[in-house]
Amino acid sequence: MGRVSTKEEVQAFCTIFRDHHVTPDEHGRLLLRGLITATAPTKIGGDLHVLARKMVFNFLRPVFTGDTIRRKETVTHDERMESKAGIACDLTCFNRDGKKVLDESLKG
């Protein structure tokens, strides 16, 4: 399952953060802001019940409204206990064509 962002979400984000660069491309799509694209991989924190302490993003290509973003994660370190959480993950997000759009590392 993937995440699809709508024009309305992008427009709401731009209104909240006073971003006036909301011009559709030749196909009528809006460019997703990096923070919107980055919401796709952040779901892993909730899935694993971990609060992220550090997240590093590398945005590889643009993402537009209507595109489906899928994530793949690899847990590289997991020491979750009742008294503390310690986890590290590498995540990659792909567009509907299977092209990488985002790499992320997460520690929590």
C-alpha atoms as a PDB file:
ATOM      1  CA  MET A   1       0.000   0.000   0.000  1.00  0.00           C
ATOM      2  CA  GLY A   2       1.213   3.505  -0.724  1.00  0.00           C
ATOM      3  CA  ARG A   3       0.469   7.131   0.005  1.00  0.00           C
ATOM      4  CA  VAL A   4      -1.108   9.468  -2.560  1.00  0.00           C
ATOM      5  CA  SER A   5      -1.106  13.236  -1.917  1.00  0.00           C
ATOM      6  CA  THR A   6      -3.802  15.461  -3.380  1.00  0.00           C
ATOM      7  CA  LYS A   7      -3.783  18.996  -4.763  1.00  0.00           C
ATOM      8  CA  GLU A   8      -5.892  20.052  -1.777  1.00  0.00           C
ATOM      9  CA  GLU A   9      -3.233  18.801   0.655  1.00  0.00           C
ATOM     10  CA  VAL A  10      -0.480  20.684  -1.158  1.00  0.00           C
ATOM     11  CA  GLN A  11      -2.574  23.853  -1.304  1.00  0.00           C
ATOM     12  CA  ALA A  12      -3.394  23.584   2.427  1.00  0.00           C
ATOM     13  CA  PHE A  13       0.296  23.078   3.255  1.00  0.00           C
ATOM     14  CA  CYS A  14       1.239  26.103   1.158  1.00  0.00           C
ATOM     15  CA  THR A  15      -1.425  28.223   2.858  1.00  0.00           C
ATOM     16  CA  ILE A  16      -0.284  27.240   6.353  1.00  0.00           C
ATOM     17  CA  PHE A  17       3.408  27.869   5.607  1.00  0.00           C
ATOM     18  CA  ARG A  18       2.826  30.869   3.311  1.00  0.00           C
ATOM     19  CA  ASP A  19       4.428  29.222   0.290  1.00  0.00           C
ATOM     20  CA  HIS A  20       3.212  31.048  -2.814  1.00  0.00           C
ATOM     21  CA  HIS A  21       4.863  28.705  -5.365  1.00  0.00           C
ATOM     22  CA  VAL A  22       1.737  26.732  -6.271  1.00  0.00           C
ATOM     23  CA  THR A  23       1.842  26.522 -10.053  1.00  0.00           C
ATOM     24  CA  PRO A  24       0.694  23.305 -11.750  1.00  0.00           C
ATOM     25  CA  ASP A  25       3.008  21.667 -14.272  1.00  0.00           C
ATOM     26  CA  GLU A  26       1.988  20.976 -17.891  1.00  0.00           C
ATOM     27  CA  HIS A  27      -0.032  17.948 -16.679  1.00  0.00           C
ATOM     28  CA  GLY A  28      -1.914  19.943 -14.022  1.00  0.00           C
ATOM     29  CA  ARG A  29       0.021  18.364 -11.148  1.00  0.00           C
ATOM     30  CA  LEU A  30       1.462  20.216  -8.173  1.00  0.00           C
ATOM     31  CA  LEU A  31       4.950  19.573  -6.842  1.00  0.00           C
ATOM     32  CA  LEU A  32       4.908  18.040  -3.365  1.00  0.00           C
ATOM     33  CA  ARG A  33       7.011  19.861  -0.798  1.00  0.00           C
ATOM     34  CA  GLY A  34       9.749  17.773   0.777  1.00  0.00           C
ATOM     35  CA  LEU A  35       7.986  17.682   4.128  1.00  0.00           C
ATOM     36  CA  ILE A  36       4.879  16.234   2.488  1.00  0.00           C
ATOM     37  CA  THR A  37       6.938  13.592   0.655  1.00  0.00           C
ATOM     38  CA  ALA A  38       8.714  12.791   3.925  1.00  0.00           C
ATOM     39  CA  THR A  39       5.440  11.810   5.619  1.00  0.00           C
ATOM     40  CA  ALA A  40       5.417   8.473   3.749  1.00  0.00           C
ATOM     41  CA  PRO A  41       8.388   6.941   5.608  1.00  0.00           C
ATOM     42  CA  THR A  42       7.559   8.433   9.012  1.00  0.00           C
ATOM     43  CA  LYS A  43       4.747   5.904   9.508  1.00  0.00           C
ATOM     44  CA  ILE A  44       7.328   3.328  10.605  1.00  0.00           C
ATOM     45  CA  GLY A  45       7.721   5.073  13.970  1.00  0.00           C
ATOM     46  CA  GLY A  46       4.064   4.432  14.734  1.00  0.00           C
ATOM     47  CA  ASP A  47       4.233   0.897  13.374  1.00  0.00           C
ATOM     48  CA  LEU A  48       7.167   0.062  15.682  1.00  0.00           C
ATOM     49  CA  HIS A  49       5.977   2.241  18.604  1.00  0.00           C
ATOM     50  CA  VAL A  50       9.166   4.315  18.522  1.00  0.00           C
ATOM     51  CA  LEU A  51       9.551   8.084  18.722  1.00  0.00           C
ATOM     52  CA  ALA A  52      12.150   9.252  16.197  1.00  0.00           C
ATOM     53  CA  ARG A  53      15.044  11.273  17.619  1.00  0.00           C
ATOM     54  CA  LYS A  54      16.920  11.824  14.372  1.00  0.00           C
ATOM     55  CA  MET A  55      15.789  11.675  10.755  1.00  0.00           C
ATOM     56  CA  VAL A  56      18.018  12.402   7.758  1.00  0.00           C
ATOM     57  CA  PHE A  57      16.387  12.800   4.333  1.00  0.00           C
ATOM     58  CA  ASN A  58      17.934  12.714   0.864  1.00  0.00           C
ATOM     59  CA  PHE A  59      15.394  13.856  -1.747  1.00  0.00           C
ATOM     60  CA  LEU A  60      16.317  12.202  -5.061  1.00  0.00           C
ATOM     61  CA  ARG A  61      13.638  13.316  -7.520  1.00  0.00           C
ATOM     62  CA  PRO A  62      10.464  15.394  -7.553  1.00  0.00           C
ATOM     63  CA  VAL A  63       7.116  13.952  -6.504  1.00  0.00           C
ATOM     64  CA  PHE A  64       3.803  15.306  -7.797  1.00  0.00           C
ATOM     65  CA  THR A  65       0.185  15.139  -6.695  1.00  0.00           C
ATOM     66  CA  GLY A  66      -1.538  11.941  -7.740  1.00  0.00           C
ATOM     67  CA  ASP A  67       1.637   9.843  -7.564  1.00  0.00           C
ATOM     68  CA  THR A  68       1.703   6.821  -5.264  1.00  0.00           C
ATOM     69  CA  ILE A  69       4.683   6.709  -2.914  1.00  0.00           C
ATOM     70  CA  ARG A  70       5.672   3.345  -1.472  1.00  0.00           C
ATOM     71  CA  ARG A  71       8.266   2.748   1.221  1.00  0.00           C
ATOM     72  CA  LYS A  72      10.707  -0.058   1.924  1.00  0.00           C
ATOM     73  CA  GLU A  73      12.474  -0.185   5.259  1.00  0.00           C
ATOM     74  CA  THR A  74      15.352  -2.127   6.748  1.00  0.00           C
ATOM     75  CA  VAL A  75      15.785  -2.174  10.514  1.00  0.00           C
ATOM     76  CA  THR A  76      19.552  -1.956  11.045  1.00  0.00           C
ATOM     77  CA  HIS A  77      19.536  -1.828  14.862  1.00  0.00           C
ATOM     78  CA  ASP A  78      16.842  -2.828  17.369  1.00  0.00           C
ATOM     79  CA  GLU A  79      17.284  -2.752  21.150  1.00  0.00           C
ATOM     80  CA  ARG A  80      13.754  -1.893  22.260  1.00  0.00           C
ATOM     81  CA  MET A  81      13.132  -2.588  25.924  1.00  0.00           C
ATOM     82  CA  GLU A  82      10.539  -1.402  28.410  1.00  0.00           C
ATOM     83  CA  SER A  83      12.886   1.212  29.869  1.00  0.00           C
ATOM     84  CA  LYS A  84      14.343   2.570  26.626  1.00  0.00           C
ATOM     85  CA  ALA A  85      13.949   2.389  22.889  1.00  0.00           C
ATOM     86  CA  GLY A  86      16.861   2.057  20.557  1.00  0.00           C
ATOM     87  CA  ILE A  87      16.208   1.500  16.892  1.00  0.00           C
ATOM     88  CA  ALA A  88      17.792   2.502  13.603  1.00  0.00           C
ATOM     89  CA  CYS A  89      16.244   2.110  10.150  1.00  0.00           C
ATOM     90  CA  ASP A  90      17.145   2.845   6.566  1.00  0.00           C
ATOM     91  CA  LEU A  91      14.154   3.662   4.381  1.00  0.00           C
ATOM     92  CA  THR A  92      13.670   4.211   0.679  1.00  0.00           C
ATOM     93  CA  CYS A  93      10.567   5.573  -1.029  1.00  0.00           C
ATOM     94  CA  PHE A  94       9.633   4.808  -4.623  1.00  0.00           C
ATOM     95  CA  ASN A  95       7.151   6.408  -7.003  1.00  0.00           C
ATOM     96  CA  ARG A  96       4.592   4.426  -9.018  1.00  0.00           C
ATOM     97  CA  ASP A  97       7.219   3.795 -11.718  1.00  0.00           C
ATOM     98  CA  GLY A  98       9.528   2.146  -9.177  1.00  0.00           C
ATOM     99  CA  LYS A  99      12.027   5.026  -9.240  1.00  0.00           C
ATOM    100  CA  LYS A 100      13.655   6.099  -5.983  1.00  0.00           C
ATOM    101  CA  VAL A 101      12.383   9.459  -4.792  1.00  0.00           C
ATOM    102  CA  LEU A 102      13.669   9.545  -1.204  1.00  0.00           C
ATOM    103  CA  ASP A 103      16.267   7.881   1.017  1.00  0.00           C
ATOM    104  CA  GLU A 104      16.023   8.296   4.779  1.00  0.00           C
ATOM    105  CA  SER A 105      17.838   7.141   7.873  1.00  0.00           C
ATOM    106  CA  LEU A 106      16.012   7.170  11.186  1.00  0.00           C
ATOM    107  CA  LYS A 107      17.097   6.704  14.794  1.00  0.00           C
ATOM    108  CA  GLY A 108      14.742   6.495  17.710  1.00  0.00           C
END
